[in-house]
Amino acid sequence: MPSLKIKIVTPERSVVELEASAVSLPVIDGEVTILPDHEPYIGALEAGEVIINQADGSTENLAVSGGFVEFDTNTLSILADTAERAEEIDIERAEAARARAERLRHDQVSMGEEEYARVAAAIEKEAARIKIARRHRGRAPLSVIEGENE
């Protein structure tokens, strides 16, 4: 049975590199699920949850906050602004960051469009992180990529 080669990278690190049977992604137009032999696809990633269904039946969940996705010849590359496994997310820190962004949005009556978009994106990112971390606490973590934590 064919599988997908998946690589998720951020500007700071390589987060995931594995094979899977399916991946669901939050994109600008909603959500897309990529299966083996899917048509080539390029899209803009939105803040939300990436769900990776591995061949062994396990599922991995990651919070992402924008970027790009490209799929071709059963290889899925995700270039994310940020990406964290559910078990890596510090819920208290994410809630504090969301609260700061909410206060800034509320306090800035004369905020320009660019500043408003930045604050709204921060709120969306933190809300996604909190939701994913709470939903998936206690699940087994993804295997660490060799050399990542050295």
Protein backbone atom coordinates (compact mmCIF):
# COMPACT_ATOMS: atom_id res chain seq x y z
CA MET A 1 0.00 0.00 0.00
CA PRO A 2 1.46 3.39 -0.93
CA SER A 3 2.33 5.90 1.77
CA LEU A 4 3.20 9.57 2.03
CA LYS A 5 6.62 10.92 2.93
CA ILE A 6 6.06 13.88 5.22
CA LYS A 7 8.47 16.58 6.25
CA ILE A 8 7.45 19.52 8.44
CA VAL A 9 10.02 22.26 8.92
CA THR A 10 10.05 25.71 10.51
CA PRO A 11 12.72 28.39 10.25
CA GLU A 12 14.17 27.00 13.52
CA ARG A 13 14.07 23.23 13.09
CA SER A 14 12.90 20.10 11.36
CA VAL A 15 9.83 19.04 13.36
CA VAL A 16 8.63 15.84 11.67
CA GLU A 17 10.03 13.48 9.08
CA LEU A 18 8.08 10.23 8.65
CA GLU A 19 5.76 8.16 6.47
CA ALA A 20 1.98 8.17 6.86
CA SER A 21 -1.22 6.99 5.26
CA ALA A 22 -3.01 10.39 5.35
CA VAL A 23 -2.53 13.98 6.51
CA SER A 24 -5.21 16.61 7.18
CA LEU A 25 -4.15 20.26 7.04
CA PRO A 26 -5.73 23.65 7.79
CA VAL A 27 -5.48 25.74 4.62
CA ILE A 28 -6.88 29.12 3.60
CA ASP A 29 -9.89 27.50 1.88
CA GLY A 30 -10.72 25.21 4.83
CA GLU A 31 -9.17 21.81 5.38
CA VAL A 32 -7.53 19.45 2.94
CA THR A 33 -6.71 15.78 3.44
CA ILE A 34 -3.83 14.40 1.43
CA LEU A 35 -3.83 10.67 0.65
CA PRO A 36 -1.27 8.62 -1.30
CA ASP A 37 -1.39 9.32 -5.04
CA HIS A 38 -3.24 12.63 -4.49
CA GLU A 39 -2.98 15.15 -7.32
CA PRO A 40 -0.12 17.66 -6.92
CA TYR A 41 -1.16 20.42 -4.53
CA ILE A 42 0.25 23.75 -3.34
CA GLY A 43 -1.54 25.82 -0.72
CA ALA A 44 -1.24 28.39 2.01
CA LEU A 45 -1.29 26.93 5.52
CA GLU A 46 -3.46 28.57 8.15
CA ALA A 47 -3.21 28.41 11.95
CA GLY A 48 -4.72 25.16 13.16
CA GLU A 49 -4.13 21.45 13.56
CA VAL A 50 -2.19 19.07 11.32
CA ILE A 51 -3.41 15.49 11.81
CA ILE A 52 -1.03 12.76 10.67
CA ASN A 53 -2.41 9.23 10.37
CA GLN A 54 0.51 6.83 10.48
CA ALA A 55 0.57 3.45 8.78
CA ASP A 56 0.55 1.66 12.16
CA GLY A 57 -2.82 3.24 13.01
CA SER A 58 -1.49 5.86 15.42
CA THR A 59 -2.24 9.55 15.00
CA GLU A 60 0.03 12.54 15.60
CA ASN A 61 -1.29 16.04 16.08
CA LEU A 62 0.61 19.29 15.62
CA ALA A 63 -0.29 22.96 15.98
CA VAL A 64 0.86 25.12 13.08
CA SER A 65 0.58 28.86 12.53
CA GLY A 66 0.74 29.52 8.85
CA GLY A 67 3.14 28.79 6.04
CA PHE A 68 2.94 26.76 2.85
CA VAL A 69 2.29 23.17 1.85
CA GLU A 70 3.38 21.35 -1.28
CA PHE A 71 2.49 17.81 -2.33
CA ASP A 72 3.90 15.97 -5.33
CA THR A 73 4.77 12.33 -6.06
CA ASN A 74 3.70 11.12 -2.58
CA THR A 75 5.96 13.64 -0.85
CA LEU A 76 4.37 16.27 1.39
CA SER A 77 6.49 19.24 2.42
CA ILE A 78 5.13 21.65 5.00
CA LEU A 79 7.03 24.90 5.49
CA ALA A 80 5.40 26.29 8.64
CA ASP A 81 5.96 29.57 10.44
CA THR A 82 5.71 27.54 13.67
CA ALA A 83 4.90 23.90 14.35
CA GLU A 84 4.66 22.10 17.69
CA ARG A 85 3.59 18.63 18.70
CA ALA A 86 0.56 18.71 21.00
CA GLU A 87 2.61 17.45 23.95
CA GLU A 88 5.22 20.21 23.48
CA ILE A 89 2.73 23.04 24.03
CA ASP A 90 2.80 24.83 27.39
CA ILE A 91 -0.90 25.57 27.89
CA GLU A 92 -0.37 28.23 30.58
CA ARG A 93 2.12 30.11 28.41
CA ALA A 94 -0.20 29.88 25.38
CA GLU A 95 -3.14 31.19 27.43
CA ALA A 96 -1.03 34.10 28.72
CA ALA A 97 0.07 34.98 25.17
CA ARG A 98 -3.51 34.87 23.93
CA ALA A 99 -4.64 37.08 26.82
CA ARG A 100 -1.89 39.64 26.03
CA ALA A 101 -2.93 39.73 22.36
CA GLU A 102 -6.62 40.07 23.30
CA ARG A 103 -5.79 43.00 25.64
CA LEU A 104 -3.73 44.68 22.94
CA ARG A 105 -6.55 44.34 20.44
CA HIS A 106 -9.05 45.72 22.96
CA ASP A 107 -6.82 48.61 24.11
CA GLN A 108 -5.75 49.76 20.63
CA VAL A 109 -8.77 51.68 19.36
CA SER A 110 -6.82 53.36 16.55
CA MET A 111 -4.92 50.29 15.39
CA GLY A 112 -3.91 50.21 11.72
CA GLU A 113 -4.88 47.32 9.44
CA GLU A 114 -1.43 45.76 9.51
CA GLU A 115 -1.16 45.87 13.31
CA TYR A 116 -4.71 44.52 13.67
CA ALA A 117 -3.91 41.62 11.31
CA ARG A 118 -0.77 40.80 13.32
CA VAL A 119 -2.67 40.80 16.63
CA ALA A 120 -5.54 38.76 15.15
CA ALA A 121 -3.05 36.20 13.80
CA ALA A 122 -1.41 35.93 17.24
CA ILE A 123 -4.80 35.32 18.87
CA GLU A 124 -5.67 32.68 16.27
CA LYS A 125 -2.30 30.96 16.71
CA GLU A 126 -2.53 30.80 20.51
CA ALA A 127 -6.16 29.64 20.42
CA ALA A 128 -5.17 26.78 18.08
CA ARG A 129 -2.23 25.81 20.31
CA ILE A 130 -4.45 25.72 23.42
CA LYS A 131 -7.19 23.70 21.72
CA ILE A 132 -4.76 21.13 20.32
CA ALA A 133 -2.77 20.77 23.54
CA ARG A 134 -5.90 20.26 25.64
CA ARG A 135 -7.42 17.77 23.21
CA HIS A 136 -4.33 15.60 22.88
CA ARG A 137 -2.67 15.53 26.30
CA GLY A 138 -1.70 12.04 27.34
CA ARG A 139 -1.17 10.57 23.88
CA ALA A 140 2.16 8.95 23.06
CA PRO A 141 4.65 11.45 21.56
CA LEU A 142 6.06 11.24 18.06
CA SER A 143 9.49 9.70 17.87
CA VAL A 144 12.20 12.34 18.00
CA ILE A 145 14.19 12.96 14.85
CA GLU A 146 17.74 11.80 15.42
CA GLY A 147 20.01 14.67 16.47
CA GLU A 148 17.13 17.11 17.05
CA ASN A 149 17.54 17.46 20.81
CA GLU A 150 21.30 17.21 20.93
